[in-house]
Amino acid sequence: LDYFEEAIGFRPGLLERIRRWIFEHSTLVYLSSISSVTLLVLAI
């Protein structure tokens, strides 16, 4: 995908880069979110 985008001169914007990072690290985002909310509820 990086090679193709470079060939056509495509530059993703900030929001697109954030979206891609989230999907590329979906497991980390998902499990860390669950852990954070769990700790928050326990703290309350």
All heavy atoms as atom14 arrays in JSON, in Angstrom:
{
  "sequence": "LDYFEEAIGFRPGLLERIRRWIFEHSTLVYLSSISSVTLLVLAI",
  "atom14_mask": [
    [1, 1, 1, 1, 1, 1, 1, 1, 0, 0, 0, 0, 0, 0],
    [1, 1, 1, 1, 1, 1, 1, 1, 0, 0, 0, 0, 0, 0],
    [1, 1, 1, 1, 1, 1, 1, 1, 1, 1, 1, 1, 0, 0],
    [1, 1, 1, 1, 1, 1, 1, 1, 1, 1, 1, 0, 0, 0],
    [1, 1, 1, 1, 1, 1, 1, 1, 1, 0, 0, 0, 0, 0],
    [1, 1, 1, 1, 1, 1, 1, 1, 1, 0, 0, 0, 0, 0],
    [1, 1, 1, 1, 1, 0, 0, 0, 0, 0, 0, 0, 0, 0],
    [1, 1, 1, 1, 1, 1, 1, 1, 0, 0, 0, 0, 0, 0],
    [1, 1, 1, 1, 0, 0, 0, 0, 0, 0, 0, 0, 0, 0],
    [1, 1, 1, 1, 1, 1, 1, 1, 1, 1, 1, 0, 0, 0],
    [1, 1, 1, 1, 1, 1, 1, 1, 1, 1, 1, 0, 0, 0],
    [1, 1, 1, 1, 1, 1, 1, 0, 0, 0, 0, 0, 0, 0],
    [1, 1, 1, 1, 0, 0, 0, 0, 0, 0, 0, 0, 0, 0],
    [1, 1, 1, 1, 1, 1, 1, 1, 0, 0, 0, 0, 0, 0],
    [1, 1, 1, 1, 1, 1, 1, 1, 0, 0, 0, 0, 0, 0],
    [1, 1, 1, 1, 1, 1, 1, 1, 1, 0, 0, 0, 0, 0],
    [1, 1, 1, 1, 1, 1, 1, 1, 1, 1, 1, 0, 0, 0],
    [1, 1, 1, 1, 1, 1, 1, 1, 0, 0, 0, 0, 0, 0],
    [1, 1, 1, 1, 1, 1, 1, 1, 1, 1, 1, 0, 0, 0],
    [1, 1, 1, 1, 1, 1, 1, 1, 1, 1, 1, 0, 0, 0],
    [1, 1, 1, 1, 1, 1, 1, 1, 1, 1, 1, 1, 1, 1],
    [1, 1, 1, 1, 1, 1, 1, 1, 0, 0, 0, 0, 0, 0],
    [1, 1, 1, 1, 1, 1, 1, 1, 1, 1, 1, 0, 0, 0],
    [1, 1, 1, 1, 1, 1, 1, 1, 1, 0, 0, 0, 0, 0],
    [1, 1, 1, 1, 1, 1, 1, 1, 1, 1, 0, 0, 0, 0],
    [1, 1, 1, 1, 1, 1, 0, 0, 0, 0, 0, 0, 0, 0],
    [1, 1, 1, 1, 1, 1, 1, 0, 0, 0, 0, 0, 0, 0],
    [1, 1, 1, 1, 1, 1, 1, 1, 0, 0, 0, 0, 0, 0],
    [1, 1, 1, 1, 1, 1, 1, 0, 0, 0, 0, 0, 0, 0],
    [1, 1, 1, 1, 1, 1, 1, 1, 1, 1, 1, 1, 0, 0],
    [1, 1, 1, 1, 1, 1, 1, 1, 0, 0, 0, 0, 0, 0],
    [1, 1, 1, 1, 1, 1, 0, 0, 0, 0, 0, 0, 0, 0],
    [1, 1, 1, 1, 1, 1, 0, 0, 0, 0, 0, 0, 0, 0],
    [1, 1, 1, 1, 1, 1, 1, 1, 0, 0, 0, 0, 0, 0],
    [1, 1, 1, 1, 1, 1, 0, 0, 0, 0, 0, 0, 0, 0],
    [1, 1, 1, 1, 1, 1, 0, 0, 0, 0, 0, 0, 0, 0],
    [1, 1, 1, 1, 1, 1, 1, 0, 0, 0, 0, 0, 0, 0],
    [1, 1, 1, 1, 1, 1, 1, 0, 0, 0, 0, 0, 0, 0],
    [1, 1, 1, 1, 1, 1, 1, 1, 0, 0, 0, 0, 0, 0],
    [1, 1, 1, 1, 1, 1, 1, 1, 0, 0, 0, 0, 0, 0],
    [1, 1, 1, 1, 1, 1, 1, 0, 0, 0, 0, 0, 0, 0],
    [1, 1, 1, 1, 1, 1, 1, 1, 0, 0, 0, 0, 0, 0],
    [1, 1, 1, 1, 1, 0, 0, 0, 0, 0, 0, 0, 0, 0],
    [1, 1, 1, 1, 1, 1, 1, 1, 0, 0, 0, 0, 0, 0]
  ],
  "atom14_positions": [
    [[0.82, -1.21, 0.0], [0.0, 0.0, 0.0], [0.86, 1.26, 0.0], [0.57, 2.23, -0.72], [-0.92, -0.01, 1.22], [-1.94, 1.14, 1.3], [-2.85, 1.14, 0.08], [-2.75, 1.03, 2.58], [0.0, 0.0, 0.0], [0.0, 0.0, 0.0], [0.0, 0.0, 0.0], [0.0, 0.0, 0.0], [0.0, 0.0, 0.0], [0.0, 0.0, 0.0]],
    [[1.94, 1.27, 0.8], [2.84, 2.43, 0.82], [3.48, 2.67, -0.54], [3.61, 3.82, -1.0], [3.93, 2.22, 1.88], [3.39, 2.31, 3.3], [2.29, 2.85, 3.47], [4.07, 1.81, 4.23], [0.0, 0.0, 0.0], [0.0, 0.0, 0.0], [0.0, 0.0, 0.0], [0.0, 0.0, 0.0], [0.0, 0.0, 0.0], [0.0, 0.0, 0.0]],
    [[3.88, 1.58, -1.2], [4.49, 1.7, -2.53], [3.5, 2.28, -3.53], [3.85, 3.16, -4.33], [4.98, 0.33, -2.99], [5.55, 0.31, -4.38], [6.87, 0.7, -4.62], [4.76, -0.1, -5.46], [7.38, 0.7, -5.91], [5.26, -0.1, -6.74], [6.58, 0.3, -6.97], [7.09, 0.29, -8.24], [0.0, 0.0, 0.0], [0.0, 0.0, 0.0]],
    [[2.25, 1.81, -3.48], [1.23, 2.29, -4.41], [0.94, 3.77, -4.17], [0.84, 4.56, -5.12], [-0.04, 1.46, -4.25], [-1.17, 1.9, -5.13], [-1.15, 1.68, -6.5], [-2.28, 2.56, -4.59], [-2.19, 2.08, -7.31], [-3.32, 2.98, -5.4], [-3.27, 2.74, -6.76], [0.0, 0.0, 0.0], [0.0, 0.0, 0.0], [0.0, 0.0, 0.0]],
    [[0.81, 4.18, -2.9], [0.5, 5.57, -2.6], [1.65, 6.5, -3.01], [1.42, 7.61, -3.5], [0.21, 5.71, -1.1], [-1.11, 5.08, -0.69], [-1.4, 5.23, 0.78], [-0.48, 5.61, 1.54], [-2.55, 4.97, 1.19], [0.0, 0.0, 0.0], [0.0, 0.0, 0.0], [0.0, 0.0, 0.0], [0.0, 0.0, 0.0], [0.0, 0.0, 0.0]],
    [[2.87, 6.03, -2.82], [4.02, 6.84, -3.24], [4.06, 6.99, -4.76], [4.39, 8.05, -5.28], [5.31, 6.19, -2.73], [6.56, 6.99, -3.06], [7.82, 6.36, -2.51], [7.7, 5.34, -1.79], [8.91, 6.86, -2.8], [0.0, 0.0, 0.0], [0.0, 0.0, 0.0], [0.0, 0.0, 0.0], [0.0, 0.0, 0.0], [0.0, 0.0, 0.0]],
    [[3.69, 5.92, -5.47], [3.71, 5.96, -6.93], [2.7, 6.95, -7.49], [2.94, 7.6, -8.52], [3.45, 4.56, -7.49], [0.0, 0.0, 0.0], [0.0, 0.0, 0.0], [0.0, 0.0, 0.0], [0.0, 0.0, 0.0], [0.0, 0.0, 0.0], [0.0, 0.0, 0.0], [0.0, 0.0, 0.0], [0.0, 0.0, 0.0], [0.0, 0.0, 0.0]],
    [[1.55, 7.1, -6.83], [0.52, 8.02, -7.34], [0.57, 9.37, -6.63], [-0.27, 10.25, -6.9], [-0.88, 7.4, -7.2], [-1.24, 7.19, -5.73], [-0.98, 6.11, -7.97], [-2.67, 6.72, -5.52], [0.0, 0.0, 0.0], [0.0, 0.0, 0.0], [0.0, 0.0, 0.0], [0.0, 0.0, 0.0], [0.0, 0.0, 0.0], [0.0, 0.0, 0.0]],
    [[1.52, 9.53, -5.69], [1.67, 10.81, -5.01], [0.6, 11.1, -3.98], [0.29, 12.26, -3.7], [0.0, 0.0, 0.0], [0.0, 0.0, 0.0], [0.0, 0.0, 0.0], [0.0, 0.0, 0.0], [0.0, 0.0, 0.0], [0.0, 0.0, 0.0], [0.0, 0.0, 0.0], [0.0, 0.0, 0.0], [0.0, 0.0, 0.0], [0.0, 0.0, 0.0]],
    [[0.03, 10.09, -3.38], [-1.02, 10.29, -2.38], [-0.41, 10.54, -1.01], [0.49, 9.83, -0.58], [-1.93, 9.07, -2.32], [-2.99, 9.15, -1.25], [-4.09, 9.97, -1.42], [-2.87, 8.43, -0.07], [-5.07, 10.05, -0.44], [-3.84, 8.51, 0.91], [-4.95, 9.33, 0.72], [0.0, 0.0, 0.0], [0.0, 0.0, 0.0], [0.0, 0.0, 0.0]],
    [[-0.92, 11.56, -0.29], [-0.47, 11.88, 1.05], [-1.68, 11.91, 1.98], [-2.48, 12.85, 1.92], [0.25, 13.24, 1.08], [1.55, 13.3, 0.29], [2.63, 12.42, 0.93], [3.89, 12.51, 0.18], [4.22, 11.69, -0.8], [3.36, 10.75, -1.19], [5.38, 11.83, -1.43], [0.0, 0.0, 0.0], [0.0, 0.0, 0.0], [0.0, 0.0, 0.0]],
    [[-1.84, 10.89, 2.83], [-3.0, 10.88, 3.74], [-2.93, 12.02, 4.75], [-1.85, 12.41, 5.21], [-2.88, 9.53, 4.42], [-1.45, 9.16, 4.33], [-0.96, 9.74, 3.04], [0.0, 0.0, 0.0], [0.0, 0.0, 0.0], [0.0, 0.0, 0.0], [0.0, 0.0, 0.0], [0.0, 0.0, 0.0], [0.0, 0.0, 0.0], [0.0, 0.0, 0.0]],
    [[-4.1, 12.57, 5.09], [-4.18, 13.63, 6.08], [-4.03, 13.09, 7.49], [-3.88, 11.88, 7.73], [0.0, 0.0, 0.0], [0.0, 0.0, 0.0], [0.0, 0.0, 0.0], [0.0, 0.0, 0.0], [0.0, 0.0, 0.0], [0.0, 0.0, 0.0], [0.0, 0.0, 0.0], [0.0, 0.0, 0.0], [0.0, 0.0, 0.0], [0.0, 0.0, 0.0]],
    [[-4.1, 14.0, 8.47], [-3.88, 13.63, 9.86], [-4.93, 12.63, 10.34], [-4.59, 11.61, 10.97], [-3.91, 14.89, 10.74], [-3.78, 14.66, 12.25], [-2.45, 13.98, 12.57], [-3.93, 15.98, 13.01], [0.0, 0.0, 0.0], [0.0, 0.0, 0.0], [0.0, 0.0, 0.0], [0.0, 0.0, 0.0], [0.0, 0.0, 0.0], [0.0, 0.0, 0.0]],
    [[-6.2, 12.91, 10.06], [-7.26, 12.0, 10.52], [-7.11, 10.62, 9.89], [-7.35, 9.6, 10.56], [-8.63, 12.6, 10.2], [-9.03, 13.85, 10.98], [-10.4, 14.34, 10.54], [-9.02, 13.57, 12.48], [0.0, 0.0, 0.0], [0.0, 0.0, 0.0], [0.0, 0.0, 0.0], [0.0, 0.0, 0.0], [0.0, 0.0, 0.0], [0.0, 0.0, 0.0]],
    [[-6.74, 10.56, 8.62], [-6.55, 9.28, 7.96], [-5.39, 8.52, 8.57], [-5.44, 7.3, 8.74], [-6.33, 9.48, 6.46], [-6.03, 8.21, 5.68], [-7.16, 7.2, 5.71], [-8.3, 7.58, 6.03], [-6.89, 6.02, 5.41], [0.0, 0.0, 0.0], [0.0, 0.0, 0.0], [0.0, 0.0, 0.0], [0.0, 0.0, 0.0], [0.0, 0.0, 0.0]],
    [[-4.3, 9.25, 8.92], [-3.16, 8.58, 9.56], [-3.53, 8.04, 10.94], [-3.11, 6.94, 11.32], [-1.99, 9.56, 9.67], [-1.37, 9.92, 8.33], [0.04, 10.49, 8.5], [0.06, 11.7, 9.31], [-0.1, 12.93, 8.84], [-0.29, 13.11, 7.53], [-0.04, 13.98, 9.63], [0.0, 0.0, 0.0], [0.0, 0.0, 0.0], [0.0, 0.0, 0.0]],
    [[-4.34, 8.79, 11.67], [-4.8, 8.31, 12.98], [-5.68, 7.07, 12.82], [-5.55, 6.09, 13.55], [-5.57, 9.43, 13.72], [-4.62, 10.57, 14.07], [-6.23, 8.88, 14.98], [-5.32, 11.77, 14.68], [0.0, 0.0, 0.0], [0.0, 0.0, 0.0], [0.0, 0.0, 0.0], [0.0, 0.0, 0.0], [0.0, 0.0, 0.0], [0.0, 0.0, 0.0]],
    [[-6.6, 7.13, 11.84], [-7.48, 5.99, 11.6], [-6.68, 4.74, 11.24], [-6.95, 3.65, 11.74], [-8.47, 6.33, 10.48], [-9.58, 5.32, 10.29], [-10.33, 5.55, 8.99], [-9.51, 5.17, 7.85], [-9.42, 3.9, 7.39], [-10.08, 2.92, 7.98], [-8.66, 3.65, 6.34], [0.0, 0.0, 0.0], [0.0, 0.0, 0.0], [0.0, 0.0, 0.0]],
    [[-5.68, 4.92, 10.38], [-4.86, 3.78, 9.98], [-4.08, 3.22, 11.17], [-3.96, 2.0, 11.32], [-3.9, 4.19, 8.87], [-4.56, 4.45, 7.54], [-3.52, 4.72, 6.46], [-4.14, 4.99, 5.18], [-3.46, 5.18, 4.05], [-2.13, 5.15, 4.08], [-4.09, 5.4, 2.93], [0.0, 0.0, 0.0], [0.0, 0.0, 0.0], [0.0, 0.0, 0.0]],
    [[-3.56, 4.11, 12.01], [-2.8, 3.63, 13.17], [-3.69, 2.81, 14.09], [-3.28, 1.76, 14.6], [-2.2, 4.82, 13.94], [-1.28, 4.39, 15.04], [0.06, 4.19, 14.96], [-1.66, 4.06, 16.38], [0.57, 3.76, 16.17], [-0.48, 3.67, 17.07], [-2.86, 4.04, 17.08], [-0.47, 3.29, 18.41], [-2.87, 3.65, 18.41], [-1.7, 3.29, 19.06]],
    [[-4.92, 3.27, 14.28], [-5.86, 2.55, 15.15], [-6.15, 1.16, 14.6], [-6.12, 0.16, 15.32], [-7.17, 3.35, 15.32], [-6.9, 4.61, 16.15], [-8.25, 2.5, 15.96], [-8.1, 5.54, 16.25], [0.0, 0.0, 0.0], [0.0, 0.0, 0.0], [0.0, 0.0, 0.0], [0.0, 0.0, 0.0], [0.0, 0.0, 0.0], [0.0, 0.0, 0.0]],
    [[-6.4, 1.07, 13.29], [-6.71, -0.23, 12.71], [-5.49, -1.13, 12.63], [-5.61, -2.35, 12.75], [-7.33, -0.06, 11.32], [-8.81, 0.23, 11.35], [-9.28, 1.53, 11.33], [-9.72, -0.8, 11.42], [-10.63, 1.8, 11.37], [-11.08, -0.55, 11.46], [-11.54, 0.76, 11.44], [0.0, 0.0, 0.0], [0.0, 0.0, 0.0], [0.0, 0.0, 0.0]],
    [[-4.3, -0.55, 12.45], [-3.08, -1.37, 12.44], [-2.72, -1.89, 13.82], [-2.02, -2.89, 13.96], [-1.92, -0.55, 11.87], [-2.02, -0.29, 10.37], [-0.97, 0.69, 9.88], [-0.1, 1.09, 10.71], [-1.0, 1.06, 8.69], [0.0, 0.0, 0.0], [0.0, 0.0, 0.0], [0.0, 0.0, 0.0], [0.0, 0.0, 0.0], [0.0, 0.0, 0.0]],
    [[-3.2, -1.21, 14.86], [-2.94, -1.61, 16.24], [-4.27, -1.88, 16.95], [-4.46, -1.52, 18.11], [-2.14, -0.54, 16.99], [-0.83, -0.2, 16.34], [-0.72, 0.71, 15.31], [0.43, -0.67, 16.58], [0.55, 0.8, 14.95], [1.27, -0.02, 15.7], [0.0, 0.0, 0.0], [0.0, 0.0, 0.0], [0.0, 0.0, 0.0], [0.0, 0.0, 0.0]],
    [[-5.2, -2.5, 16.22], [-6.57, -2.68, 16.73], [-6.62, -3.49, 18.02], [-7.37, -3.16, 18.94], [-7.45, -3.33, 15.66], [-6.87, -4.54, 15.2], [0.0, 0.0, 0.0], [0.0, 0.0, 0.0], [0.0, 0.0, 0.0], [0.0, 0.0, 0.0], [0.0, 0.0, 0.0], [0.0, 0.0, 0.0], [0.0, 0.0, 0.0], [0.0, 0.0, 0.0]],
    [[-5.81, -4.55, 18.11], [-5.82, -5.37, 19.32], [-5.34, -4.56, 20.52], [-5.93, -4.61, 21.61], [-4.95, -6.61, 19.14], [-5.42, -7.38, 18.03], [-4.99, -7.49, 20.38], [0.0, 0.0, 0.0], [0.0, 0.0, 0.0], [0.0, 0.0, 0.0], [0.0, 0.0, 0.0], [0.0, 0.0, 0.0], [0.0, 0.0, 0.0], [0.0, 0.0, 0.0]],
    [[-4.25, -3.8, 20.34], [-3.74, -2.96, 21.42], [-4.76, -1.92, 21.85], [-5.01, -1.73, 23.06], [-2.45, -2.27, 20.97], [-1.85, -1.23, 21.93], [-1.43, -1.9, 23.23], [-0.67, -0.51, 21.28], [0.0, 0.0, 0.0], [0.0, 0.0, 0.0], [0.0, 0.0, 0.0], [0.0, 0.0, 0.0], [0.0, 0.0, 0.0], [0.0, 0.0, 0.0]],
    [[-5.39, -1.26, 20.89], [-6.38, -0.24, 21.2], [-7.57, -0.85, 21.93], [-8.05, -0.31, 22.94], [-6.84, 0.47, 19.91], [-8.03, 1.39, 20.18], [-5.69, 1.25, 19.29], [0.0, 0.0, 0.0], [0.0, 0.0, 0.0], [0.0, 0.0, 0.0], [0.0, 0.0, 0.0], [0.0, 0.0, 0.0], [0.0, 0.0, 0.0], [0.0, 0.0, 0.0]],
    [[-8.04, -1.99, 21.45], [-9.22, -2.63, 22.02], [-8.98, -3.09, 23.45], [-9.74, -2.75, 24.37], [-9.62, -3.8, 21.13], [-10.87, -4.53, 21.55], [-12.11, -3.91, 21.47], [-10.82, -5.84, 22.02], [-13.27, -4.58, 21.84], [-11.97, -6.52, 22.38], [-13.18, -5.88, 22.29], [-14.32, -6.55, 22.66], [0.0, 0.0, 0.0], [0.0, 0.0, 0.0]],
    [[-7.92, -3.85, 23.66], [-7.66, -4.41, 24.99], [-7.24, -3.34, 25.99], [-7.61, -3.41, 27.17], [-6.6, -5.5, 24.89], [-6.99, -6.73, 24.06], [-5.88, -7.78, 24.09], [-8.29, -7.33, 24.57], [0.0, 0.0, 0.0], [0.0, 0.0, 0.0], [0.0, 0.0, 0.0], [0.0, 0.0, 0.0], [0.0, 0.0, 0.0], [0.0, 0.0, 0.0]],
    [[-6.47, -2.34, 25.55], [-6.1, -1.27, 26.47], [-7.31, -0.43, 26.87], [-7.41, 0.03, 28.01], [-5.01, -0.39, 25.85], [-5.48, 0.22, 24.66], [0.0, 0.0, 0.0], [0.0, 0.0, 0.0], [0.0, 0.0, 0.0], [0.0, 0.0, 0.0], [0.0, 0.0, 0.0], [0.0, 0.0, 0.0], [0.0, 0.0, 0.0], [0.0, 0.0, 0.0]],
    [[-8.25, -0.25, 25.95], [-9.47, 0.49, 26.28], [-10.29, -0.27, 27.32], [-10.8, 0.33, 28.28], [-10.31, 0.72, 25.02], [-9.6, 1.48, 24.06], [0.0, 0.0, 0.0], [0.0, 0.0, 0.0], [0.0, 0.0, 0.0], [0.0, 0.0, 0.0], [0.0, 0.0, 0.0], [0.0, 0.0, 0.0], [0.0, 0.0, 0.0], [0.0, 0.0, 0.0]],
    [[-10.42, -1.58, 27.13], [-11.17, -2.39, 28.09], [-10.48, -2.36, 29.46], [-11.13, -2.21, 30.5], [-11.3, -3.83, 27.58], [-12.24, -3.87, 26.37], [-11.82, -4.77, 28.68], [-12.33, -5.23, 25.72], [0.0, 0.0, 0.0], [0.0, 0.0, 0.0], [0.0, 0.0, 0.0], [0.0, 0.0, 0.0], [0.0, 0.0, 0.0], [0.0, 0.0, 0.0]],
    [[-9.15, -2.47, 29.46], [-8.42, -2.45, 30.73], [-8.59, -1.11, 31.43], [-8.79, -1.06, 32.66], [-6.93, -2.72, 30.47], [-6.74, -3.97, 29.86], [0.0, 0.0, 0.0], [0.0, 0.0, 0.0], [0.0, 0.0, 0.0], [0.0, 0.0, 0.0], [0.0, 0.0, 0.0], [0.0, 0.0, 0.0], [0.0, 0.0, 0.0], [0.0, 0.0, 0.0]],
    [[-8.51, -0.02, 30.69], [-8.63, 1.31, 31.28], [-10.01, 1.53, 31.89], [-10.13, 2.03, 33.02], [-8.35, 2.38, 30.22], [-7.04, 2.25, 29.7], [0.0, 0.0, 0.0], [0.0, 0.0, 0.0], [0.0, 0.0, 0.0], [0.0, 0.0, 0.0], [0.0, 0.0, 0.0], [0.0, 0.0, 0.0], [0.0, 0.0, 0.0], [0.0, 0.0, 0.0]],
    [[-11.06, 1.14, 31.17], [-12.41, 1.32, 31.69], [-12.63, 0.41, 32.9], [-13.27, 0.82, 33.89], [-13.46, 1.03, 30.59], [-14.87, 1.11, 31.16], [-13.3, 2.01, 29.44], [0.0, 0.0, 0.0], [0.0, 0.0, 0.0], [0.0, 0.0, 0.0], [0.0, 0.0, 0.0], [0.0, 0.0, 0.0], [0.0, 0.0, 0.0], [0.0, 0.0, 0.0]],
    [[-12.1, -0.81, 32.87], [-12.22, -1.71, 34.01], [-11.59, -1.1, 35.25], [-12.17, -1.1, 36.35], [-11.56, -3.06, 33.7], [-12.2, -3.66, 32.58], [-11.69, -4.01, 34.89], [0.0, 0.0, 0.0], [0.0, 0.0, 0.0], [0.0, 0.0, 0.0], [0.0, 0.0, 0.0], [0.0, 0.0, 0.0], [0.0, 0.0, 0.0], [0.0, 0.0, 0.0]],
    [[-10.38, -0.56, 35.11], [-9.7, 0.06, 36.24], [-10.47, 1.28, 36.73], [-10.54, 1.54, 37.95], [-8.28, 0.45, 35.84], [-7.32, -0.72, 35.57], [-5.98, -0.2, 35.05], [-7.12, -1.56, 36.83], [0.0, 0.0, 0.0], [0.0, 0.0, 0.0], [0.0, 0.0, 0.0], [0.0, 0.0, 0.0], [0.0, 0.0, 0.0], [0.0, 0.0, 0.0]],
    [[-11.04, 2.05, 35.81], [-11.82, 3.22, 36.2], [-13.04, 2.83, 37.02], [-13.32, 3.44, 38.07], [-12.23, 4.0, 34.96], [-13.1, 5.25, 35.19], [-12.35, 6.26, 36.05], [-13.53, 5.87, 33.87], [0.0, 0.0, 0.0], [0.0, 0.0, 0.0], [0.0, 0.0, 0.0], [0.0, 0.0, 0.0], [0.0, 0.0, 0.0], [0.0, 0.0, 0.0]],
    [[-13.77, 1.81, 36.57], [-14.95, 1.36, 37.3], [-14.56, 0.82, 38.67], [-15.23, 1.1, 39.69], [-15.7, 0.29, 36.49], [-16.85, -0.3, 37.3], [-16.23, 0.88, 35.18], [0.0, 0.0, 0.0], [0.0, 0.0, 0.0], [0.0, 0.0, 0.0], [0.0, 0.0, 0.0], [0.0, 0.0, 0.0], [0.0, 0.0, 0.0], [0.0, 0.0, 0.0]],
    [[-13.47, 0.06, 38.73], [-13.01, -0.45, 40.02], [-12.6, 0.68, 40.95], [-12.87, 0.65, 42.16], [-11.82, -1.41, 39.8], [-12.15, -2.88, 39.55], [-10.86, -3.68, 39.34], [-12.93, -3.47, 40.71], [0.0, 0.0, 0.0], [0.0, 0.0, 0.0], [0.0, 0.0, 0.0], [0.0, 0.0, 0.0], [0.0, 0.0, 0.0], [0.0, 0.0, 0.0]],
    [[-11.93, 1.69, 40.4], [-11.51, 2.82, 41.21], [-12.71, 3.55, 41.81], [-12.7, 3.93, 42.99], [-10.66, 3.78, 40.37], [0.0, 0.0, 0.0], [0.0, 0.0, 0.0], [0.0, 0.0, 0.0], [0.0, 0.0, 0.0], [0.0, 0.0, 0.0], [0.0, 0.0, 0.0], [0.0, 0.0, 0.0], [0.0, 0.0, 0.0], [0.0, 0.0, 0.0]],
    [[-13.75, 3.72, 40.99], [-14.97, 4.37, 41.5], [-15.58, 3.55, 42.63], [-16.01, 4.09, 43.66], [-15.97, 4.58, 40.35], [-15.41, 5.58, 39.34], [-17.32, 5.04, 40.88], [-16.26, 5.71, 38.09], [0.0, 0.0, 0.0], [0.0, 0.0, 0.0], [0.0, 0.0, 0.0], [0.0, 0.0, 0.0], [0.0, 0.0, 0.0], [0.0, 0.0, 0.0]]
  ]
}
